[in-house]
C-alpha atoms as a PDB file:
ATOM      1  CA  MET A   1      48.099  13.204 -14.737  1.00  0.00           C
ATOM      2  CA  THR A   2      48.425  10.330 -12.554  1.00  0.00           C
ATOM      3  CA  ARG A   3      49.720   6.580 -12.925  1.00  0.00           C
ATOM      4  CA  ARG A   4      46.176   5.387 -12.778  1.00  0.00           C
ATOM      5  CA  PHE A   5      45.713   7.027 -16.033  1.00  0.00           C
ATOM      6  CA  THR A   6      49.164   6.894 -17.913  1.00  0.00           C
ATOM      7  CA  ALA A   7      49.958   3.515 -17.352  1.00  0.00           C
ATOM      8  CA  PRO A   8      46.806   1.853 -19.163  1.00  0.00           C
ATOM      9  CA  LEU A   9      47.086   4.309 -21.660  1.00  0.00           C
ATOM     10  CA  ALA A  10      50.625   3.381 -22.158  1.00  0.00           C
ATOM     11  CA  ILE A  11      49.829   0.268 -22.798  1.00  0.00           C
ATOM     12  CA  ALA A  12      46.780   0.604 -24.695  1.00  0.00           C
ATOM     13  CA  LEU A  13      49.127   2.275 -27.073  1.00  0.00           C
ATOM     14  CA  ILE A  14      51.590  -0.242 -27.209  1.00  0.00           C
ATOM     15  CA  GLY A  15      49.072  -3.437 -28.077  1.00  0.00           C
ATOM     16  CA  LEU A  16      47.849  -0.503 -30.336  1.00  0.00           C
ATOM     17  CA  LEU A  17      51.103  -0.642 -32.356  1.00  0.00           C
ATOM     18  CA  ILE A  18      51.531  -4.169 -31.774  1.00  0.00           C
ATOM     19  CA  LEU A  19      48.189  -4.982 -33.456  1.00  0.00           C
ATOM     20  CA  PHE A  20      49.035  -2.414 -36.504  1.00  0.00           C
ATOM     21  CA  ASP A  21      52.188  -3.926 -36.707  1.00  0.00           C
ATOM     22  CA  SER A  22      50.830  -7.456 -37.267  1.00  0.00           C
ATOM     23  CA  ALA A  23      47.784  -6.427 -39.532  1.00  0.00           C
ATOM     24  CA  THR A  24      50.187  -4.676 -41.649  1.00  0.00           C
ATOM     25  CA  ALA A  25      53.423  -7.112 -42.016  1.00  0.00           C
ATOM     26  CA  GLU A  26      54.156 -10.097 -44.300  1.00  0.00           C
ATOM     27  CA  LEU A  27      54.761 -12.556 -41.391  1.00  0.00           C
ATOM     28  CA  ASN A  28      57.038 -15.185 -43.356  1.00  0.00           C
ATOM     29  CA  PRO A  29      59.540 -16.877 -40.752  1.00  0.00           C
ATOM     30  CA  TYR A  30      61.197 -18.556 -43.640  1.00  0.00           C
ATOM     31  CA  LYS A  31      62.616 -15.447 -44.999  1.00  0.00           C
ATOM     32  CA  ALA A  32      63.623 -13.972 -41.834  1.00  0.00           C
ATOM     33  CA  PRO A  33      67.502 -13.746 -41.502  1.00  0.00           C
ATOM     34  CA  PRO A  34      69.075 -15.853 -38.944  1.00  0.00           C
ATOM     35  CA  LEU A  35      68.950 -15.131 -34.975  1.00  0.00           C
ATOM     36  CA  LEU A  36      72.664 -15.597 -34.795  1.00  0.00           C
ATOM     37  CA  ALA A  37      74.792 -15.466 -37.372  1.00  0.00           C
ATOM     38  CA  LEU A  38      77.841 -16.469 -36.170  1.00  0.00           C
ATOM     39  CA  GLY A  39      79.820 -18.513 -39.221  1.00  0.00           C
ATOM     40  CA  SER A  40      76.895 -18.852 -40.930  1.00  0.00           C
ATOM     41  CA  GLY A  41      78.272 -17.235 -43.956  1.00  0.00           C
ATOM     42  CA  ALA A  42      75.175 -14.891 -44.037  1.00  0.00           C
ATOM     43  CA  VAL A  43      77.114 -11.307 -45.236  1.00  0.00           C
ATOM     44  CA  ALA A  44      75.973  -8.384 -43.093  1.00  0.00           C
ATOM     45  CA  SER A  45      74.360  -5.448 -45.242  1.00  0.00           C
ATOM     46  CA  GLY A  46      73.114  -2.290 -44.870  1.00  0.00           C
ATOM     47  CA  GLY A  47      74.480   0.826 -42.833  1.00  0.00           C
ATOM     48  CA  PHE A  48      77.259  -0.645 -40.787  1.00  0.00           C
ATOM     49  CA  CYS A  49      79.903   2.015 -40.626  1.00  0.00           C
ATOM     50  CA  GLY A  50      82.680  -0.338 -39.593  1.00  0.00           C
ATOM     51  CA  ALA A  51      82.724  -2.351 -42.327  1.00  0.00           C
ATOM     52  CA  MET A  52      85.896  -2.186 -44.552  1.00  0.00           C
ATOM     53  CA  PRO A  53      84.796  -1.093 -48.448  1.00  0.00           C
ATOM     54  CA  GLU A  54      84.718  -3.963 -50.843  1.00  0.00           C
END
């Protein structure tokens, strides 16, 4: 395969992934977590291995 075939194919697949994600996700910017949570009081959640047990 050459770059003339694989490059447009890769770009098309990425575009399809973006379209699929935007079509199936609820886009609500007010429910999103803060971009930087430095000193905001927001507590980390999820599987962070370095977190001390409570």
